[in-house]
Amino acid sequence: MLVALQIVLLLLIAGSVGFYAWCAIAVGRFFATPMPETSTNDKPVSVMIPVCGVDEYAIENWSSFCQQDYENYEVLFGVMDRQDPAVPILTELVEKFPGRAKLLFCEEVSGVNYQVSNLIHLHKAAQHEVVVIADSDIRVKSNYLCTVTAPLADPSVGVVTCGYLAHDPQFLVAALASMGRCIDFIPSMLVARTMDGGMKCAFG
């Protein structure tokens, strides 16, 4: 009985070692692959951000989408409740970035998922064919739109997806969650990419 248990444990350990070795190879291959050249800003883009409530650093996160080094794009913020505490902040943001940021009230519910319902309304209001969907707690660099739209120059690419990390986690639980994304979630995503002949899904 003891020998059988030892064999099972050794197999589990070997499987774990093999998986993380595969992760290391997948991550290495990903970063060794040249990135597509930065977009030439010739594709108009609609950024859709469903909002419910106010997260920490909300104004910094939302502002980052309005300050992109990109020529032709709009940022659509959608809330379902006119009494949402985010409304005053978003109203100021729209005033600060006129013609760039827009606030929409998505009060009619479509389906059971409120976030998806919000996105349905935002998509109907979007002016451009290329859309970028982002959660309200995401902050991006000024070259974000140039970077994520660059792969679309390849006609075989229809969807671009991104990993995400916690920015300056303030608590142990948040730090551990961020570490888990770095050493488990993102490597696992890249392993799936090697198995399926390329990434054929998007994460959100």
N, C-alpha and C. Protein backbone atom coordinates (compact mmCIF):
# COMPACT_ATOMS: atom_id res chain seq x y z
N MET A 1 0.83 -1.21 0.00
CA MET A 1 0.00 0.00 0.00
C MET A 1 0.87 1.26 0.00
N LEU A 2 1.90 1.24 0.83
CA LEU A 2 2.79 2.39 0.93
C LEU A 2 3.52 2.63 -0.39
N VAL A 3 3.96 1.54 -1.02
CA VAL A 3 4.67 1.66 -2.30
C VAL A 3 3.75 2.25 -3.37
N ALA A 4 2.50 1.80 -3.39
CA ALA A 4 1.54 2.32 -4.37
C ALA A 4 1.31 3.81 -4.16
N LEU A 5 1.22 4.22 -2.89
CA LEU A 5 1.02 5.63 -2.57
C LEU A 5 2.23 6.46 -3.02
N GLN A 6 3.42 5.91 -2.80
CA GLN A 6 4.64 6.60 -3.22
C GLN A 6 4.68 6.77 -4.74
N ILE A 7 4.25 5.74 -5.46
CA ILE A 7 4.24 5.82 -6.92
C ILE A 7 3.27 6.90 -7.40
N VAL A 8 2.08 6.92 -6.77
CA VAL A 8 1.08 7.94 -7.13
C VAL A 8 1.62 9.34 -6.88
N LEU A 9 2.25 9.53 -5.71
CA LEU A 9 2.80 10.84 -5.37
C LEU A 9 3.92 11.24 -6.33
N LEU A 10 4.77 10.28 -6.69
CA LEU A 10 5.85 10.57 -7.63
C LEU A 10 5.31 10.95 -9.00
N LEU A 11 4.24 10.27 -9.42
CA LEU A 11 3.62 10.61 -10.70
C LEU A 11 3.03 12.02 -10.68
N LEU A 12 2.40 12.36 -9.55
CA LEU A 12 1.85 13.71 -9.42
C LEU A 12 2.95 14.77 -9.45
N ILE A 13 4.03 14.49 -8.74
CA ILE A 13 5.16 15.43 -8.72
C ILE A 13 5.77 15.56 -10.12
N ALA A 14 5.95 14.41 -10.78
CA ALA A 14 6.52 14.43 -12.13
C ALA A 14 5.62 15.20 -13.09
N GLY A 15 4.31 15.00 -12.95
CA GLY A 15 3.37 15.73 -13.80
C GLY A 15 3.45 17.24 -13.57
N SER A 16 3.57 17.64 -12.29
CA SER A 16 3.67 19.07 -11.97
C SER A 16 4.96 19.66 -12.53
N VAL A 17 6.07 18.93 -12.34
CA VAL A 17 7.35 19.41 -12.87
C VAL A 17 7.29 19.53 -14.39
N GLY A 18 6.70 18.52 -15.03
CA GLY A 18 6.59 18.55 -16.48
C GLY A 18 5.74 19.71 -16.96
N PHE A 19 4.64 19.96 -16.25
CA PHE A 19 3.76 21.06 -16.66
C PHE A 19 4.47 22.41 -16.54
N TYR A 20 5.15 22.64 -15.42
CA TYR A 20 5.81 23.94 -15.24
C TYR A 20 7.02 24.08 -16.16
N ALA A 21 7.64 22.96 -16.52
CA ALA A 21 8.71 23.04 -17.52
C ALA A 21 8.11 23.46 -18.87
N TRP A 22 6.95 22.91 -19.19
CA TRP A 22 6.25 23.28 -20.41
C TRP A 22 5.87 24.76 -20.38
N CYS A 23 5.42 25.22 -19.19
CA CYS A 23 5.09 26.64 -19.03
C CYS A 23 6.31 27.51 -19.32
N ALA A 24 7.46 27.11 -18.77
CA ALA A 24 8.68 27.89 -18.97
C ALA A 24 9.04 27.96 -20.46
N ILE A 25 8.90 26.84 -21.15
CA ILE A 25 9.20 26.82 -22.59
C ILE A 25 8.22 27.70 -23.36
N ALA A 26 6.93 27.61 -23.01
CA ALA A 26 5.90 28.40 -23.71
C ALA A 26 6.12 29.89 -23.50
N VAL A 27 6.46 30.28 -22.26
CA VAL A 27 6.72 31.69 -21.97
C VAL A 27 7.96 32.17 -22.73
N GLY A 28 9.00 31.33 -22.73
CA GLY A 28 10.23 31.69 -23.44
C GLY A 28 9.99 31.88 -24.93
N ARG A 29 9.21 30.98 -25.52
CA ARG A 29 8.90 31.10 -26.95
C ARG A 29 8.09 32.35 -27.25
N PHE A 30 7.16 32.66 -26.36
CA PHE A 30 6.31 33.84 -26.58
C PHE A 30 7.15 35.11 -26.60
N PHE A 31 8.04 35.26 -25.63
CA PHE A 31 8.82 36.49 -25.55
C PHE A 31 9.95 36.52 -26.57
N ALA A 32 10.27 35.36 -27.14
CA ALA A 32 11.29 35.33 -28.19
C ALA A 32 10.70 35.67 -29.56
N THR A 33 9.37 35.64 -29.65
CA THR A 33 8.71 35.95 -30.93
C THR A 33 8.62 37.46 -31.11
N PRO A 34 9.09 37.99 -32.24
CA PRO A 34 9.01 39.43 -32.46
C PRO A 34 7.56 39.92 -32.43
N MET A 35 7.34 41.02 -31.76
CA MET A 35 6.01 41.60 -31.69
C MET A 35 5.68 42.30 -33.01
N PRO A 36 4.39 42.35 -33.38
CA PRO A 36 4.02 43.08 -34.59
C PRO A 36 4.41 44.55 -34.47
N GLU A 37 4.71 45.17 -35.59
CA GLU A 37 5.04 46.59 -35.56
C GLU A 37 3.84 47.38 -35.05
N THR A 38 4.15 48.48 -34.38
CA THR A 38 3.09 49.31 -33.82
C THR A 38 2.13 49.77 -34.91
N SER A 39 0.85 49.82 -34.56
CA SER A 39 -0.17 50.22 -35.51
C SER A 39 0.09 51.63 -36.05
N THR A 40 -0.36 51.85 -37.27
CA THR A 40 -0.19 53.16 -37.90
C THR A 40 -1.37 54.09 -37.60
N ASN A 41 -2.22 53.70 -36.66
CA ASN A 41 -3.36 54.54 -36.24
C ASN A 41 -4.38 54.76 -37.35
N ASP A 42 -4.40 53.89 -38.35
CA ASP A 42 -5.31 54.12 -39.47
C ASP A 42 -6.65 53.41 -39.31
N LYS A 43 -6.83 52.69 -38.20
CA LYS A 43 -8.10 52.00 -37.96
C LYS A 43 -8.86 52.73 -36.86
N PRO A 44 -9.98 53.37 -37.16
CA PRO A 44 -10.77 54.01 -36.10
C PRO A 44 -11.23 52.97 -35.08
N VAL A 45 -11.20 53.32 -33.82
CA VAL A 45 -11.48 52.36 -32.75
C VAL A 45 -12.51 52.92 -31.78
N SER A 46 -13.41 52.05 -31.34
CA SER A 46 -14.35 52.37 -30.26
C SER A 46 -13.96 51.55 -29.03
N VAL A 47 -13.65 52.22 -27.95
CA VAL A 47 -13.32 51.55 -26.68
C VAL A 47 -14.59 51.52 -25.84
N MET A 48 -14.99 50.34 -25.39
CA MET A 48 -16.23 50.18 -24.62
C MET A 48 -15.88 49.73 -23.20
N ILE A 49 -16.32 50.53 -22.22
CA ILE A 49 -16.01 50.24 -20.81
C ILE A 49 -17.30 50.24 -20.01
N PRO A 50 -17.81 49.08 -19.62
CA PRO A 50 -18.99 49.03 -18.75
C PRO A 50 -18.59 49.39 -17.32
N VAL A 51 -19.38 50.22 -16.68
CA VAL A 51 -19.03 50.72 -15.34
C VAL A 51 -20.17 50.45 -14.37
N CYS A 52 -19.79 50.00 -13.17
CA CYS A 52 -20.76 49.85 -12.08
C CYS A 52 -20.03 50.17 -10.78
N GLY A 53 -20.31 51.34 -10.22
CA GLY A 53 -19.62 51.74 -9.01
C GLY A 53 -18.25 52.34 -9.31
N VAL A 54 -17.55 52.66 -8.23
CA VAL A 54 -16.24 53.32 -8.34
C VAL A 54 -15.19 52.46 -7.67
N ASP A 55 -14.23 51.99 -8.46
CA ASP A 55 -13.12 51.22 -7.92
C ASP A 55 -12.02 52.17 -7.45
N GLU A 56 -11.07 51.61 -6.70
CA GLU A 56 -9.91 52.39 -6.30
C GLU A 56 -9.14 52.82 -7.55
N TYR A 57 -8.69 54.06 -7.57
CA TYR A 57 -7.95 54.64 -8.71
C TYR A 57 -8.81 54.70 -9.97
N ALA A 58 -10.12 54.79 -9.81
CA ALA A 58 -11.02 54.79 -10.97
C ALA A 58 -10.69 55.91 -11.94
N ILE A 59 -10.52 57.12 -11.44
CA ILE A 59 -10.28 58.25 -12.33
C ILE A 59 -8.98 58.08 -13.11
N GLU A 60 -7.94 57.53 -12.44
CA GLU A 60 -6.68 57.29 -13.14
C GLU A 60 -6.85 56.21 -14.21
N ASN A 61 -7.59 55.18 -13.87
CA ASN A 61 -7.81 54.09 -14.84
C ASN A 61 -8.58 54.59 -16.06
N TRP A 62 -9.66 55.29 -15.82
CA TRP A 62 -10.51 55.75 -16.93
C TRP A 62 -9.79 56.80 -17.77
N SER A 63 -9.05 57.67 -17.11
CA SER A 63 -8.33 58.72 -17.84
C SER A 63 -7.28 58.13 -18.77
N SER A 64 -6.69 56.99 -18.37
CA SER A 64 -5.63 56.40 -19.19
C SER A 64 -6.13 56.02 -20.58
N PHE A 65 -7.41 55.68 -20.69
CA PHE A 65 -7.97 55.34 -22.00
C PHE A 65 -8.24 56.58 -22.85
N CYS A 66 -8.36 57.72 -22.20
CA CYS A 66 -8.65 58.96 -22.92
C CYS A 66 -7.39 59.70 -23.34
N GLN A 67 -6.23 59.16 -22.98
CA GLN A 67 -4.97 59.82 -23.28
C GLN A 67 -4.05 58.91 -24.09
N GLN A 68 -4.62 58.29 -25.11
CA GLN A 68 -3.87 57.37 -25.95
C GLN A 68 -3.17 58.10 -27.09
N ASP A 69 -1.99 57.60 -27.44
CA ASP A 69 -1.28 58.12 -28.61
C ASP A 69 -1.89 57.50 -29.87
N TYR A 70 -3.11 57.85 -30.11
CA TYR A 70 -3.88 57.26 -31.21
C TYR A 70 -4.78 58.35 -31.76
N GLU A 71 -4.91 58.42 -33.06
CA GLU A 71 -5.58 59.57 -33.67
C GLU A 71 -7.11 59.48 -33.60
N ASN A 72 -7.67 58.42 -34.13
CA ASN A 72 -9.12 58.36 -34.32
C ASN A 72 -9.73 57.28 -33.44
N TYR A 73 -10.21 57.67 -32.29
CA TYR A 73 -10.87 56.69 -31.41
C TYR A 73 -11.82 57.42 -30.46
N GLU A 74 -12.75 56.65 -29.93
CA GLU A 74 -13.70 57.15 -28.94
C GLU A 74 -13.72 56.20 -27.75
N VAL A 75 -14.06 56.72 -26.59
CA VAL A 75 -14.16 55.91 -25.38
C VAL A 75 -15.59 56.02 -24.87
N LEU A 76 -16.30 54.90 -24.86
CA LEU A 76 -17.69 54.86 -24.43
C LEU A 76 -17.78 54.24 -23.04
N PHE A 77 -18.25 55.02 -22.08
CA PHE A 77 -18.48 54.52 -20.73
C PHE A 77 -19.98 54.28 -20.57
N GLY A 78 -20.35 53.09 -20.10
CA GLY A 78 -21.76 52.77 -19.95
C GLY A 78 -22.12 52.45 -18.51
N VAL A 79 -23.17 53.09 -17.98
CA VAL A 79 -23.68 52.77 -16.65
C VAL A 79 -25.17 52.44 -16.78
N MET A 80 -25.65 51.59 -15.89
CA MET A 80 -27.04 51.16 -15.97
C MET A 80 -27.95 52.01 -15.09
N ASP A 81 -27.37 52.63 -14.06
CA ASP A 81 -28.16 53.38 -13.08
C ASP A 81 -27.71 54.83 -13.08
N ARG A 82 -28.64 55.74 -13.28
CA ARG A 82 -28.28 57.16 -13.28
C ARG A 82 -27.81 57.65 -11.91
N GLN A 83 -28.11 56.89 -10.86
CA GLN A 83 -27.67 57.23 -9.52
C GLN A 83 -26.34 56.57 -9.16
N ASP A 84 -25.73 55.89 -10.10
CA ASP A 84 -24.45 55.24 -9.85
C ASP A 84 -23.42 56.29 -9.41
N PRO A 85 -22.65 56.00 -8.35
CA PRO A 85 -21.65 56.97 -7.88
C PRO A 85 -20.58 57.31 -8.91
N ALA A 86 -20.48 56.51 -9.95
CA ALA A 86 -19.49 56.79 -10.99
C ALA A 86 -19.93 57.92 -11.92
N VAL A 87 -21.22 58.22 -11.95
CA VAL A 87 -21.75 59.19 -12.91
C VAL A 87 -21.11 60.57 -12.78
N PRO A 88 -21.01 61.16 -11.57
CA PRO A 88 -20.37 62.48 -11.47
C PRO A 88 -18.93 62.48 -11.95
N ILE A 89 -18.19 61.42 -11.65
CA ILE A 89 -16.79 61.34 -12.08
C ILE A 89 -16.71 61.23 -13.59
N LEU A 90 -17.56 60.39 -14.17
CA LEU A 90 -17.55 60.22 -15.62
C LEU A 90 -18.02 61.48 -16.34
N THR A 91 -18.95 62.20 -15.73
CA THR A 91 -19.41 63.46 -16.32
C THR A 91 -18.25 64.46 -16.41
N GLU A 92 -17.45 64.53 -15.35
CA GLU A 92 -16.27 65.41 -15.36
C GLU A 92 -15.27 64.95 -16.42
N LEU A 93 -15.14 63.64 -16.56
CA LEU A 93 -14.20 63.09 -17.53
C LEU A 93 -14.62 63.44 -18.96
N VAL A 94 -15.92 63.36 -19.22
CA VAL A 94 -16.44 63.72 -20.54
C VAL A 94 -16.17 65.20 -20.83
N GLU A 95 -16.32 66.03 -19.81
CA GLU A 95 -16.06 67.46 -19.97
C GLU A 95 -14.57 67.73 -20.19
N LYS A 96 -13.73 66.92 -19.56
CA LYS A 96 -12.28 67.09 -19.69
C LYS A 96 -11.78 66.63 -21.05
N PHE A 97 -12.44 65.60 -21.60
CA PHE A 97 -12.04 65.06 -22.91
C PHE A 97 -13.22 65.12 -23.89
N PRO A 98 -13.66 66.32 -24.26
CA PRO A 98 -14.82 66.44 -25.16
C PRO A 98 -14.52 65.84 -26.53
N GLY A 99 -15.50 65.11 -27.04
CA GLY A 99 -15.31 64.48 -28.34
C GLY A 99 -14.57 63.17 -28.28
N ARG A 100 -13.95 62.90 -27.16
CA ARG A 100 -13.21 61.65 -26.99
C ARG A 100 -14.00 60.69 -26.09
N ALA A 101 -14.37 61.16 -24.90
CA ALA A 101 -15.09 60.33 -23.94
C ALA A 101 -16.59 60.61 -24.03
N LYS A 102 -17.38 59.55 -23.90
CA LYS A 102 -18.84 59.69 -23.93
C LYS A 102 -19.44 58.83 -22.82
N LEU A 103 -20.48 59.34 -22.19
CA LEU A 103 -21.18 58.61 -21.14
C LEU A 103 -22.56 58.21 -21.64
N LEU A 104 -22.86 56.91 -21.54
CA LEU A 104 -24.15 56.40 -21.98
C LEU A 104 -24.85 55.72 -20.81
N PHE A 105 -26.16 55.92 -20.74
CA PHE A 105 -26.97 55.26 -19.72
C PHE A 105 -27.66 54.05 -20.36
N CYS A 106 -27.25 52.88 -19.93
CA CYS A 106 -27.72 51.62 -20.53
C CYS A 106 -28.76 51.00 -19.60
N GLU A 107 -29.91 51.64 -19.52
CA GLU A 107 -30.90 51.28 -18.50
C GLU A 107 -31.75 50.07 -18.88
N GLU A 108 -31.95 49.84 -20.15
CA GLU A 108 -32.75 48.69 -20.58
C GLU A 108 -31.90 47.42 -20.49
N VAL A 109 -32.37 46.45 -19.72
CA VAL A 109 -31.60 45.23 -19.48
C VAL A 109 -31.85 44.22 -20.60
N SER A 110 -30.77 43.71 -21.16
CA SER A 110 -30.85 42.66 -22.18
C SER A 110 -30.18 41.41 -21.62
N GLY A 111 -30.97 40.38 -21.33
CA GLY A 111 -30.41 39.15 -20.78
C GLY A 111 -30.22 39.21 -19.28
N VAL A 112 -29.50 38.23 -18.75
CA VAL A 112 -29.34 38.11 -17.29
C VAL A 112 -28.00 38.64 -16.80
N ASN A 113 -27.07 38.85 -17.71
CA ASN A 113 -25.75 39.35 -17.32
C ASN A 113 -25.73 40.86 -17.54
N TYR A 114 -25.66 41.62 -16.44
CA TYR A 114 -25.74 43.08 -16.54
C TYR A 114 -24.56 43.68 -17.31
N GLN A 115 -23.38 43.10 -17.12
CA GLN A 115 -22.22 43.64 -17.82
C GLN A 115 -22.35 43.44 -19.33
N VAL A 116 -22.80 42.26 -19.72
CA VAL A 116 -23.01 41.99 -21.14
C VAL A 116 -24.12 42.88 -21.69
N SER A 117 -25.17 43.08 -20.90
CA SER A 117 -26.25 43.97 -21.31
C SER A 117 -25.72 45.38 -21.56
N ASN A 118 -24.86 45.82 -20.67
CA ASN A 118 -24.22 47.13 -20.81
C ASN A 118 -23.43 47.20 -22.12
N LEU A 119 -22.67 46.15 -22.39
CA LEU A 119 -21.85 46.12 -23.60
C LEU A 119 -22.71 46.10 -24.87
N ILE A 120 -23.85 45.46 -24.81
CA ILE A 120 -24.75 45.43 -25.97
C ILE A 120 -25.16 46.86 -26.34
N HIS A 121 -25.52 47.65 -25.32
CA HIS A 121 -25.91 49.04 -25.57
C HIS A 121 -24.73 49.85 -26.10
N LEU A 122 -23.55 49.63 -25.51
CA LEU A 122 -22.37 50.38 -25.95
C LEU A 122 -22.02 50.04 -27.40
N HIS A 123 -22.16 48.76 -27.75
CA HIS A 123 -21.83 48.35 -29.12
C HIS A 123 -22.78 48.98 -30.13
N LYS A 124 -24.03 49.12 -29.75
CA LYS A 124 -25.00 49.77 -30.65
C LYS A 124 -24.63 51.23 -30.88
N ALA A 125 -24.02 51.85 -29.87
CA ALA A 125 -23.67 53.27 -29.98
C ALA A 125 -22.29 53.48 -30.58
N ALA A 126 -21.50 52.42 -30.68
CA ALA A 126 -20.13 52.55 -31.20
C ALA A 126 -20.14 53.01 -32.65
N GLN A 127 -19.24 53.93 -32.97
CA GLN A 127 -19.19 54.49 -34.31
C GLN A 127 -18.22 53.76 -35.23
N HIS A 128 -17.37 52.91 -34.66
CA HIS A 128 -16.32 52.30 -35.46
C HIS A 128 -16.42 50.78 -35.46
N GLU A 129 -15.86 50.18 -36.50
CA GLU A 129 -15.93 48.72 -36.67
C GLU A 129 -15.03 47.99 -35.69
N VAL A 130 -13.84 48.52 -35.45
CA VAL A 130 -12.91 47.89 -34.51
C VAL A 130 -13.28 48.32 -33.09
N VAL A 131 -13.54 47.34 -32.22
CA VAL A 131 -13.93 47.67 -30.85
C VAL A 131 -12.94 47.06 -29.87
N VAL A 132 -12.72 47.77 -28.79
CA VAL A 132 -11.87 47.31 -27.69
C VAL A 132 -12.74 47.27 -26.45
N ILE A 133 -12.77 46.14 -25.76
CA ILE A 133 -13.57 45.98 -24.54
C ILE A 133 -12.61 45.93 -23.35
N ALA A 134 -12.89 46.73 -22.33
CA ALA A 134 -12.02 46.76 -21.15
C ALA A 134 -12.88 46.85 -19.90
N ASP A 135 -12.44 46.18 -18.84
CA ASP A 135 -13.10 46.32 -17.55
C ASP A 135 -12.81 47.71 -16.99
N SER A 136 -13.64 48.15 -16.06
CA SER A 136 -13.51 49.51 -15.53
C SER A 136 -12.33 49.66 -14.57
N ASP A 137 -11.74 48.55 -14.13
CA ASP A 137 -10.61 48.64 -13.19
C ASP A 137 -9.27 48.45 -13.89
N ILE A 138 -9.25 48.60 -15.21
CA ILE A 138 -8.03 48.42 -15.99
C ILE A 138 -7.38 49.78 -16.26
N ARG A 139 -6.05 49.83 -16.12
CA ARG A 139 -5.29 51.02 -16.49
C ARG A 139 -4.29 50.63 -17.56
N VAL A 140 -4.12 51.48 -18.56
CA VAL A 140 -3.26 51.14 -19.69
C VAL A 140 -2.24 52.25 -19.95
N LYS A 141 -1.18 51.88 -20.67
CA LYS A 141 -0.18 52.86 -21.08
C LYS A 141 -0.67 53.60 -22.32
N SER A 142 0.01 54.69 -22.64
CA SER A 142 -0.45 55.55 -23.74
C SER A 142 -0.33 54.88 -25.11
N ASN A 143 0.47 53.81 -25.20
CA ASN A 143 0.61 53.11 -26.49
C ASN A 143 -0.29 51.88 -26.59
N TYR A 144 -1.22 51.75 -25.67
CA TYR A 144 -2.06 50.55 -25.59
C TYR A 144 -2.82 50.29 -26.90
N LEU A 145 -3.54 51.29 -27.39
CA LEU A 145 -4.34 51.07 -28.60
C LEU A 145 -3.46 50.76 -29.80
N CYS A 146 -2.32 51.43 -29.91
CA CYS A 146 -1.39 51.12 -31.01
C CYS A 146 -0.93 49.67 -30.93
N THR A 147 -0.71 49.20 -29.71
CA THR A 147 -0.19 47.84 -29.52
C THR A 147 -1.25 46.78 -29.82
N VAL A 148 -2.46 46.96 -29.28
CA VAL A 148 -3.47 45.91 -29.43
C VAL A 148 -4.09 45.88 -30.83
N THR A 149 -4.02 46.97 -31.56
CA THR A 149 -4.57 46.96 -32.92
C THR A 149 -3.55 46.53 -33.96
N ALA A 150 -2.27 46.50 -33.60
CA ALA A 150 -1.22 46.14 -34.57
C ALA A 150 -1.43 44.74 -35.17
N PRO A 151 -1.77 43.70 -34.36
CA PRO A 151 -1.95 42.37 -34.95
C PRO A 151 -3.09 42.30 -35.97
N LEU A 152 -4.01 43.25 -35.94
CA LEU A 152 -5.14 43.22 -36.88
C LEU A 152 -4.71 43.52 -38.31
N ALA A 153 -3.47 43.95 -38.49
CA ALA A 153 -2.96 44.14 -39.85
C ALA A 153 -2.86 42.81 -40.59
N ASP A 154 -2.78 41.71 -39.83
CA ASP A 154 -2.77 40.36 -40.41
C ASP A 154 -4.22 39.96 -40.66
N PRO A 155 -4.62 39.73 -41.90
CA PRO A 155 -6.02 39.40 -42.19
C PRO A 155 -6.52 38.12 -41.52
N SER A 156 -5.60 37.27 -41.06
CA SER A 156 -6.02 36.03 -40.40
C SER A 156 -6.35 36.26 -38.92
N VAL A 157 -6.09 37.46 -38.40
CA VAL A 157 -6.34 37.78 -37.00
C VAL A 157 -7.66 38.53 -36.88
N GLY A 158 -8.55 38.01 -36.06
CA GLY A 158 -9.84 38.67 -35.86
C GLY A 158 -10.05 39.18 -34.45
N VAL A 159 -9.31 38.60 -33.49
CA VAL A 159 -9.45 38.99 -32.09
C VAL A 159 -8.07 39.09 -31.47
N VAL A 160 -7.86 40.10 -30.66
CA VAL A 160 -6.61 40.26 -29.91
C VAL A 160 -6.96 40.24 -28.43
N THR A 161 -6.21 39.48 -27.65
CA THR A 161 -6.48 39.41 -26.21
C THR A 161 -5.22 39.73 -25.43
N CYS A 162 -5.39 40.15 -24.20
CA CYS A 162 -4.25 40.58 -23.37
C CYS A 162 -4.32 39.92 -21.99
N GLY A 163 -3.15 39.62 -21.46
CA GLY A 163 -3.06 39.26 -20.05
C GLY A 163 -3.17 40.53 -19.22
N TYR A 164 -3.37 40.38 -17.92
CA TYR A 164 -3.49 41.57 -17.08
C TYR A 164 -2.85 41.29 -15.72
N LEU A 165 -2.35 42.35 -15.10
CA LEU A 165 -1.65 42.25 -13.83
C LEU A 165 -2.23 43.27 -12.85
N ALA A 166 -2.08 42.99 -11.56
CA ALA A 166 -2.50 43.95 -10.54
C ALA A 166 -1.48 45.08 -10.46
N HIS A 167 -1.96 46.30 -10.41
CA HIS A 167 -1.08 47.47 -10.31
C HIS A 167 -0.92 47.84 -8.84
N ASP A 168 0.31 47.68 -8.32
CA ASP A 168 0.63 48.09 -6.96
C ASP A 168 -0.37 47.54 -5.94
N PRO A 169 -0.48 46.20 -5.78
CA PRO A 169 -1.42 45.64 -4.81
C PRO A 169 -1.08 46.09 -3.39
N GLN A 170 -2.10 46.50 -2.65
CA GLN A 170 -1.89 47.08 -1.32
C GLN A 170 -2.05 46.07 -0.19
N PHE A 171 -2.62 44.92 -0.48
CA PHE A 171 -2.88 43.93 0.57
C PHE A 171 -2.29 42.59 0.18
N LEU A 172 -2.05 41.74 1.18
CA LEU A 172 -1.43 40.45 0.94
C LEU A 172 -2.25 39.60 -0.02
N VAL A 173 -3.56 39.57 0.18
CA VAL A 173 -4.42 38.75 -0.69
C VAL A 173 -4.31 39.22 -2.14
N ALA A 174 -4.32 40.54 -2.34
CA ALA A 174 -4.21 41.08 -3.70
C ALA A 174 -2.85 40.76 -4.30
N ALA A 175 -1.80 40.82 -3.47
CA ALA A 175 -0.45 40.51 -3.96
C ALA A 175 -0.34 39.04 -4.35
N LEU A 176 -0.93 38.16 -3.54
CA LEU A 176 -0.90 36.73 -3.84
C LEU A 176 -1.69 36.43 -5.13
N ALA A 177 -2.82 37.12 -5.29
CA ALA A 177 -3.61 36.93 -6.51
C ALA A 177 -2.82 37.38 -7.73
N SER A 178 -2.11 38.49 -7.59
CA SER A 178 -1.30 38.98 -8.71
C SER A 178 -0.17 38.01 -9.03
N MET A 179 0.46 37.47 -7.99
CA MET A 179 1.53 36.50 -8.20
C MET A 179 0.98 35.24 -8.89
N GLY A 180 -0.23 34.83 -8.49
CA GLY A 180 -0.84 33.67 -9.13
C GLY A 180 -1.08 33.88 -10.61
N ARG A 181 -1.48 35.09 -10.98
CA ARG A 181 -1.67 35.38 -12.40
C ARG A 181 -0.35 35.29 -13.17
N CYS A 182 0.73 35.73 -12.50
CA CYS A 182 2.04 35.75 -13.17
C CYS A 182 2.63 34.35 -13.34
N ILE A 183 2.48 33.51 -12.32
CA ILE A 183 3.16 32.21 -12.35
C ILE A 183 2.24 31.05 -12.73
N ASP A 184 0.95 31.31 -12.84
CA ASP A 184 0.03 30.22 -13.15
C ASP A 184 -0.89 30.57 -14.32
N PHE A 185 -1.68 31.63 -14.19
CA PHE A 185 -2.69 31.94 -15.20
C PHE A 185 -2.07 32.27 -16.56
N ILE A 186 -1.17 33.24 -16.60
CA ILE A 186 -0.59 33.65 -17.88
C ILE A 186 0.24 32.53 -18.51
N PRO A 187 1.12 31.83 -17.74
CA PRO A 187 1.83 30.70 -18.35
C PRO A 187 0.89 29.62 -18.87
N SER A 188 -0.19 29.34 -18.14
CA SER A 188 -1.16 28.34 -18.60
C SER A 188 -1.81 28.78 -19.90
N MET A 189 -2.09 30.08 -20.01
CA MET A 189 -2.66 30.62 -21.24
C MET A 189 -1.71 30.41 -22.41
N LEU A 190 -0.41 30.58 -22.17
CA LEU A 190 0.57 30.42 -23.24
C LEU A 190 0.77 28.94 -23.59
N VAL A 191 0.60 28.06 -22.60
CA VAL A 191 0.64 26.62 -22.90
C VAL A 191 -0.52 26.26 -23.83
N ALA A 192 -1.71 26.77 -23.52
CA ALA A 192 -2.87 26.51 -24.39
C ALA A 192 -2.61 27.03 -25.79
N ARG A 193 -1.90 28.13 -25.87
CA ARG A 193 -1.57 28.72 -27.18
C ARG A 193 -0.69 27.78 -28.00
N THR A 194 0.25 27.08 -27.34
CA THR A 194 1.13 26.16 -28.06
C THR A 194 0.38 24.90 -28.48
N MET A 195 -0.63 24.50 -27.72
CA MET A 195 -1.35 23.27 -28.01
C MET A 195 -2.33 23.43 -29.17
N ASP A 196 -2.87 24.62 -29.32
CA ASP A 196 -3.98 24.82 -30.25
C ASP A 196 -3.56 25.54 -31.52
N GLY A 197 -2.27 25.57 -31.79
CA GLY A 197 -1.80 26.23 -33.00
C GLY A 197 -2.00 27.72 -32.99
N GLY A 198 -1.92 28.32 -31.82
CA GLY A 198 -2.15 29.76 -31.69
C GLY A 198 -3.35 30.03 -30.81
N MET A 199 -3.44 31.22 -30.28
CA MET A 199 -4.55 31.59 -29.40
C MET A 199 -5.83 31.75 -30.21
N LYS A 200 -6.85 30.97 -29.85
CA LYS A 200 -8.11 31.01 -30.58
C LYS A 200 -9.27 31.40 -29.67
N CYS A 201 -8.94 32.10 -28.59
CA CYS A 201 -9.97 32.58 -27.68
C CYS A 201 -9.49 33.89 -27.07
N ALA A 202 -10.38 34.59 -26.40
CA ALA A 202 -10.02 35.84 -25.75
C ALA A 202 -10.36 35.74 -24.27
N PHE A 203 -9.58 36.44 -23.46
CA PHE A 203 -9.80 36.42 -22.01
C PHE A 203 -10.38 37.75 -21.56
N GLY A 204 -11.23 37.69 -20.56
CA GLY A 204 -11.81 38.91 -20.03
C GLY A 204 -12.36 38.68 -18.65
